[in-house]
C-alpha atoms as a PDB file:
ATOM      1  CA  UNK A   1      -7.221  -1.060 -10.657  1.00  0.00           C
ATOM      2  CA  UNK A   2      -5.225   1.616  -8.779  1.00  0.00           C
ATOM      3  CA  UNK A   3      -2.364   3.519 -10.307  1.00  0.00           C
ATOM      4  CA  UNK A   4       0.533   3.903  -7.883  1.00  0.00           C
ATOM      5  CA  UNK A   5       2.384   7.221  -7.806  1.00  0.00           C
ATOM      6  CA  UNK A   6       5.494   5.544  -6.393  1.00  0.00           C
ATOM      7  CA  UNK A   7       7.882   2.967  -7.835  1.00  0.00           C
ATOM      8  CA  UNK A   8       8.091  -0.435  -6.122  1.00  0.00           C
ATOM      9  CA  UNK A   9      10.416  -0.575  -3.148  1.00  0.00           C
ATOM     10  CA  UNK A  10      12.363  -3.762  -2.382  1.00  0.00           C
ATOM     11  CA  UNK A  11      10.095  -5.670  -4.755  1.00  0.00           C
ATOM     12  CA  UNK A  12       6.939  -4.492  -2.930  1.00  0.00           C
ATOM     13  CA  UNK A  13       4.306  -2.145  -4.323  1.00  0.00           C
ATOM     14  CA  UNK A  14       4.466   1.273  -2.672  1.00  0.00           C
ATOM     15  CA  UNK A  15       1.446   3.485  -2.050  1.00  0.00           C
ATOM     16  CA  UNK A  16       1.286   7.260  -1.884  1.00  0.00           C
ATOM     17  CA  UNK A  17      -1.040   9.165   0.425  1.00  0.00           C
ATOM     18  CA  UNK A  18      -3.466   9.578  -2.488  1.00  0.00           C
ATOM     19  CA  UNK A  19      -3.370   5.803  -3.048  1.00  0.00           C
ATOM     20  CA  UNK A  20      -4.086   5.284   0.656  1.00  0.00           C
ATOM     21  CA  UNK A  21      -7.199   7.453   0.356  1.00  0.00           C
ATOM     22  CA  UNK A  22      -8.298   5.475  -2.711  1.00  0.00           C
ATOM     23  CA  UNK A  23      -7.837   2.206  -0.811  1.00  0.00           C
ATOM     24  CA  UNK A  24      -9.902   3.626   2.057  1.00  0.00           C
ATOM     25  CA  UNK A  25     -12.758   4.493  -0.283  1.00  0.00           C
ATOM     26  CA  UNK A  26     -12.525   1.142  -2.106  1.00  0.00           C
ATOM     27  CA  UNK A  27     -12.660  -0.613   1.249  1.00  0.00           C
ATOM     28  CA  UNK A  28     -15.856   1.252   2.121  1.00  0.00           C
ATOM     29  CA  UNK A  29     -17.395   0.268  -1.220  1.00  0.00           C
ATOM     30  CA  UNK A  30     -16.413  -3.376  -0.756  1.00  0.00           C
ATOM     31  CA  UNK A  31     -17.798  -3.214   2.792  1.00  0.00           C
ATOM     32  CA  UNK A  32     -21.146  -2.267   1.268  1.00  0.00           C
ATOM     33  CA  UNK A  33     -20.973  -5.367  -0.934  1.00  0.00           C
ATOM     34  CA  UNK A  34     -20.155  -3.576  -4.195  1.00  0.00           C
ATOM     35  CA  UNK A  35     -18.531  -5.950  -6.687  1.00  0.00           C
ATOM     36  CA  UNK A  36     -15.013  -5.406  -8.008  1.00  0.00           C
ATOM     37  CA  UNK A  37     -16.504  -5.405 -11.519  1.00  0.00           C
ATOM     38  CA  UNK A  38     -18.699  -2.426 -10.614  1.00  0.00           C
ATOM     39  CA  UNK A  39     -15.832  -0.628  -8.889  1.00  0.00           C
ATOM     40  CA  UNK A  40     -13.595  -1.114 -11.946  1.00  0.00           C
ATOM     41  CA  UNK A  41     -16.314   0.233 -14.237  1.00  0.00           C
ATOM     42  CA  UNK A  42     -16.895   3.204 -11.955  1.00  0.00           C
ATOM     43  CA  UNK A  43     -13.223   4.089 -11.656  1.00  0.00           C
ATOM     44  CA  UNK A  44     -12.681   3.904 -15.428  1.00  0.00           C
ATOM     45  CA  UNK A  45     -15.703   6.114 -16.131  1.00  0.00           C
ATOM     46  CA  UNK A  46     -14.609   8.587 -13.437  1.00  0.00           C
ATOM     47  CA  UNK A  47     -11.025   8.681 -14.770  1.00  0.00           C
ATOM     48  CA  UNK A  48     -12.269   9.627 -18.226  1.00  0.00           C
ATOM     49  CA  UNK A  49     -14.837  12.170 -17.095  1.00  0.00           C
ATOM     50  CA  UNK A  50     -12.682  13.832 -14.440  1.00  0.00           C
ATOM     51  CA  UNK A  51      -9.344  13.641 -16.222  1.00  0.00           C
ATOM     52  CA  UNK A  52      -7.397  12.138 -13.321  1.00  0.00           C
ATOM     53  CA  UNK A  53      -5.860   8.780 -12.489  1.00  0.00           C
ATOM     54  CA  UNK A  54      -7.145   9.154  -8.908  1.00  0.00           C
ATOM     55  CA  UNK A  55     -10.855  10.051  -9.067  1.00  0.00           C
ATOM     56  CA  UNK A  56     -11.741   8.493  -5.691  1.00  0.00           C
ATOM     57  CA  UNK A  57      -9.272  10.832  -3.981  1.00  0.00           C
ATOM     58  CA  UNK A  58     -10.603  14.134  -5.281  1.00  0.00           C
ATOM     59  CA  UNK A  59     -13.423  16.242  -3.884  1.00  0.00           C
ATOM     60  CA  UNK A  60     -15.139  16.544  -7.287  1.00  0.00           C
ATOM     61  CA  UNK A  61     -15.955  12.828  -7.332  1.00  0.00           C
ATOM     62  CA  UNK A  62     -17.623  13.077  -3.948  1.00  0.00           C
ATOM     63  CA  UNK A  63     -19.623  16.183  -4.798  1.00  0.00           C
ATOM     64  CA  UNK A  64     -20.304  15.919  -8.540  1.00  0.00           C
ATOM     65  CA  UNK A  65     -19.968  12.187  -9.177  1.00  0.00           C
ATOM     66  CA  UNK A  66     -23.556  11.075  -8.494  1.00  0.00           C
ATOM     67  CA  UNK A  67     -24.197  10.432 -12.189  1.00  0.00           C
ATOM     68  CA  UNK A  68     -21.138   8.161 -12.337  1.00  0.00           C
ATOM     69  CA  UNK A  69     -22.569   6.048  -9.504  1.00  0.00           C
ATOM     70  CA  UNK A  70     -25.952   5.773 -11.198  1.00  0.00           C
ATOM     71  CA  UNK A  71     -24.532   5.071 -14.685  1.00  0.00           C
ATOM     72  CA  UNK A  72     -22.256   2.374 -13.253  1.00  0.00           C
ATOM     73  CA  UNK A  73     -25.174   0.771 -11.412  1.00  0.00           C
ATOM     74  CA  UNK A  74     -27.199   0.710 -14.615  1.00  0.00           C
ATOM     75  CA  UNK A  75     -24.308  -0.614 -16.727  1.00  0.00           C
ATOM     76  CA  UNK A  76     -23.224  -3.393 -14.369  1.00  0.00           C
ATOM     77  CA  UNK A  77     -26.548  -4.292 -12.764  1.00  0.00           C
ATOM     78  CA  UNK A  78     -24.745  -4.661  -9.428  1.00  0.00           C
ATOM     79  CA  UNK A  79     -27.637  -5.017  -6.975  1.00  0.00           C
ATOM     80  CA  UNK A  80     -25.684  -3.493  -4.061  1.00  0.00           C
ATOM     81  CA  UNK A  81     -24.705  -0.474  -6.150  1.00  0.00           C
ATOM     82  CA  UNK A  82     -28.274  -0.131  -7.399  1.00  0.00           C
ATOM     83  CA  UNK A  83     -29.431  -0.227  -3.754  1.00  0.00           C
ATOM     84  CA  UNK A  84     -26.997   2.575  -2.960  1.00  0.00           C
ATOM     85  CA  UNK A  85     -28.237   4.791  -5.776  1.00  0.00           C
ATOM     86  CA  UNK A  86     -32.001   4.282  -5.582  1.00  0.00           C
ATOM     87  CA  UNK A  87     -34.235   6.022  -3.083  1.00  0.00           C
ATOM     88  CA  UNK A  88     -32.666   9.363  -4.014  1.00  0.00           C
ATOM     89  CA  UNK A  89     -29.252   7.997  -3.149  1.00  0.00           C
ATOM     90  CA  UNK A  90     -29.865   7.917   0.612  1.00  0.00           C
ATOM     91  CA  UNK A  91     -27.403   5.075   1.240  1.00  0.00           C
ATOM     92  CA  UNK A  92     -24.888   6.624  -1.157  1.00  0.00           C
ATOM     93  CA  UNK A  93     -25.040   9.896   0.765  1.00  0.00           C
ATOM     94  CA  UNK A  94     -24.440   8.090   4.074  1.00  0.00           C
ATOM     95  CA  UNK A  95     -21.417   6.270   2.598  1.00  0.00           C
ATOM     96  CA  UNK A  96     -19.928   9.435   1.125  1.00  0.00           C
ATOM     97  CA  UNK A  97     -20.659  11.497   4.234  1.00  0.00           C
ATOM     98  CA  UNK A  98     -18.698   9.028   6.376  1.00  0.00           C
ATOM     99  CA  UNK A  99     -15.819   9.173   3.889  1.00  0.00           C
ATOM    100  CA  UNK A 100     -15.893  12.975   3.660  1.00  0.00           C
ATOM    101  CA  UNK A 101     -15.990  13.244   7.441  1.00  0.00           C
ATOM    102  CA  UNK A 102     -12.657  11.419   7.709  1.00  0.00           C
ATOM    103  CA  UNK A 103     -10.911  12.971   4.675  1.00  0.00           C
ATOM    104  CA  UNK A 104     -10.113  16.639   4.030  1.00  0.00           C
ATOM    105  CA  UNK A 105      -9.572  18.011   0.550  1.00  0.00           C
ATOM    106  CA  UNK A 106      -7.266  20.819  -0.586  1.00  0.00           C
ATOM    107  CA  UNK A 107      -9.247  23.946  -1.445  1.00  0.00           C
ATOM    108  CA  UNK A 108      -7.216  24.699  -4.597  1.00  0.00           C
ATOM    109  CA  UNK A 109      -6.526  21.277  -6.124  1.00  0.00           C
ATOM    110  CA  UNK A 110      -9.466  19.329  -4.709  1.00  0.00           C
ATOM    111  CA  UNK A 111      -7.113  16.426  -3.879  1.00  0.00           C
ATOM    112  CA  UNK A 112      -7.279  14.650  -0.541  1.00  0.00           C
ATOM    113  CA  UNK A 113      -4.744  16.173   1.828  1.00  0.00           C
ATOM    114  CA  UNK A 114      -5.552  14.847   5.323  1.00  0.00           C
ATOM    115  CA  UNK A 115      -7.154  11.759   6.821  1.00  0.00           C
ATOM    116  CA  UNK A 116      -8.563  11.277  10.307  1.00  0.00           C
ATOM    117  CA  UNK A 117      -8.426   7.478  10.623  1.00  0.00           C
ATOM    118  CA  UNK A 118     -10.476   7.188  13.840  1.00  0.00           C
ATOM    119  CA  UNK A 119     -13.589   9.135  14.746  1.00  0.00           C
ATOM    120  CA  UNK A 120     -12.827   8.443  18.418  1.00  0.00           C
ATOM    121  CA  UNK A 121      -9.482  10.258  18.137  1.00  0.00           C
ATOM    122  CA  UNK A 122     -10.297  13.444  16.186  1.00  0.00           C
ATOM    123  CA  UNK A 123      -6.928  15.016  17.036  1.00  0.00           C
ATOM    124  CA  UNK A 124      -5.067  12.245  15.169  1.00  0.00           C
ATOM    125  CA  UNK A 125      -4.442  12.901  11.474  1.00  0.00           C
ATOM    126  CA  UNK A 126      -2.276  11.700   8.619  1.00  0.00           C
ATOM    127  CA  UNK A 127      -1.084  14.618   6.505  1.00  0.00           C
ATOM    128  CA  UNK A 128       1.545  13.970   3.816  1.00  0.00           C
ATOM    129  CA  UNK A 129       2.825  17.543   4.221  1.00  0.00           C
ATOM    130  CA  UNK A 130       3.581  17.111   7.939  1.00  0.00           C
ATOM    131  CA  UNK A 131       5.980  14.644   9.599  1.00  0.00           C
ATOM    132  CA  UNK A 132       6.270  12.666   6.331  1.00  0.00           C
ATOM    133  CA  UNK A 133       2.662  11.526   6.636  1.00  0.00           C
ATOM    134  CA  UNK A 134       3.114   9.808   9.998  1.00  0.00           C
ATOM    135  CA  UNK A 135       0.100   9.855  12.343  1.00  0.00           C
ATOM    136  CA  UNK A 136       0.331  13.061  14.366  1.00  0.00           C
ATOM    137  CA  UNK A 137      -1.588  15.192  16.820  1.00  0.00           C
ATOM    138  CA  UNK A 138      -3.306  17.660  14.491  1.00  0.00           C
ATOM    139  CA  UNK A 139      -2.711  20.727  16.647  1.00  0.00           C
ATOM    140  CA  UNK A 140       0.895  20.206  17.742  1.00  0.00           C
ATOM    141  CA  UNK A 141       2.295  18.047  14.937  1.00  0.00           C
ATOM    142  CA  UNK A 142       3.843  15.618  17.428  1.00  0.00           C
ATOM    143  CA  UNK A 143       3.779  12.019  16.135  1.00  0.00           C
ATOM    144  CA  UNK A 144       1.324   9.826  18.014  1.00  0.00           C
ATOM    145  CA  UNK A 145       4.006   7.169  18.448  1.00  0.00           C
ATOM    146  CA  UNK A 146       6.191   9.611  20.399  1.00  0.00           C
ATOM    147  CA  UNK A 147       3.377  10.644  22.733  1.00  0.00           C
ATOM    148  CA  UNK A 148       2.369   7.010  23.294  1.00  0.00           C
ATOM    149  CA  UNK A 149       6.000   6.035  24.004  1.00  0.00           C
ATOM    150  CA  UNK A 150       6.328   8.944  26.443  1.00  0.00           C
ATOM    151  CA  UNK A 151       3.185   7.788  28.223  1.00  0.00           C
ATOM    152  CA  UNK A 152       4.625   4.278  28.617  1.00  0.00           C
ATOM    153  CA  UNK A 153       7.923   5.732  29.861  1.00  0.00           C
ATOM    154  CA  UNK A 154       6.078   7.835  32.452  1.00  0.00           C
ATOM    155  CA  UNK A 155       4.103   4.856  33.759  1.00  0.00           C
ATOM    156  CA  UNK A 156       0.796   5.990  32.281  1.00  0.00           C
ATOM    157  CA  UNK A 157       0.855   9.457  33.881  1.00  0.00           C
ATOM    158  CA  UNK A 158      -1.076  11.472  31.283  1.00  0.00           C
ATOM    159  CA  UNK A 159      -0.763  14.764  33.161  1.00  0.00           C
ATOM    160  CA  UNK A 160       3.024  14.430  33.403  1.00  0.00           C
ATOM    161  CA  UNK A 161       3.430  13.651  29.694  1.00  0.00           C
ATOM    162  CA  UNK A 162       1.115  16.523  28.778  1.00  0.00           C
ATOM    163  CA  UNK A 163       3.211  18.878  30.906  1.00  0.00           C
ATOM    164  CA  UNK A 164       6.558  17.580  29.595  1.00  0.00           C
ATOM    165  CA  UNK A 165       5.483  17.832  25.965  1.00  0.00           C
ATOM    166  CA  UNK A 166       3.419  20.998  26.478  1.00  0.00           C
ATOM    167  CA  UNK A 167       0.287  19.480  24.958  1.00  0.00           C
ATOM    168  CA  UNK A 168      -3.279  19.048  26.209  1.00  0.00           C
ATOM    169  CA  UNK A 169      -4.007  15.828  28.081  1.00  0.00           C
ATOM    170  CA  UNK A 170      -6.464  14.734  25.383  1.00  0.00           C
ATOM    171  CA  UNK A 171      -3.629  14.855  22.821  1.00  0.00           C
ATOM    172  CA  UNK A 172      -1.717  12.300  24.902  1.00  0.00           C
ATOM    173  CA  UNK A 173      -4.801  10.148  25.516  1.00  0.00           C
ATOM    174  CA  UNK A 174      -5.877  10.105  21.880  1.00  0.00           C
ATOM    175  CA  UNK A 175      -2.347   9.380  20.650  1.00  0.00           C
ATOM    176  CA  UNK A 176      -2.051   6.433  23.046  1.00  0.00           C
ATOM    177  CA  UNK A 177      -5.505   5.094  22.095  1.00  0.00           C
ATOM    178  CA  UNK A 178      -4.670   5.407  18.406  1.00  0.00           C
ATOM    179  CA  UNK A 179      -1.336   3.595  18.765  1.00  0.00           C
ATOM    180  CA  UNK A 180      -3.036   0.832  20.750  1.00  0.00           C
ATOM    181  CA  UNK A 181      -5.654   0.494  18.001  1.00  0.00           C
ATOM    182  CA  UNK A 182      -2.933   0.329  15.317  1.00  0.00           C
ATOM    183  CA  UNK A 183      -0.958  -2.283  17.250  1.00  0.00           C
ATOM    184  CA  UNK A 184      -4.049  -4.455  17.739  1.00  0.00           C
ATOM    185  CA  UNK A 185      -4.831  -4.302  14.017  1.00  0.00           C
ATOM    186  CA  UNK A 186      -1.224  -5.145  13.117  1.00  0.00           C
ATOM    187  CA  UNK A 187      -1.289  -8.145  15.468  1.00  0.00           C
ATOM    188  CA  UNK A 188      -4.560  -9.483  14.016  1.00  0.00           C
END
């Protein structure tokens, strides 16, 4: 269904940042109960109409793709997708607004270029052009892992870490919260 931009590594499929954004959007669709059949139909139609292998990761799909949603709903009869598109697309707009709130798109290319994975930590972003795409503090560029490790090393003293790293206290707090969230998800 997805086209990877990277060759397999050690026998495992590898995903680019653009693929990560596509997976995020697919996950939201699946979370709304949309069938894989409908998603496949939608992605194929969008690929043809938009001329890209990665339609879910470009701004145009999220601003001009309403007809693709509706045509896919009509073609597949997927009740959940039909529910998203009827009523003037109210549910569709909510779904896309939540996606657009977490993803930023490049002004020139329209491709996704940043992702804020947690609404509770707005300073934390993934940006493939900074720190090799590692989660970072958006203002300073310091990886969240480093700030969280520094906080552990300083016995939880946020003010001390903020002073040592010359960052605001909320950068340290959000980095630590994000790393805790990631570690919990990895352990689950």
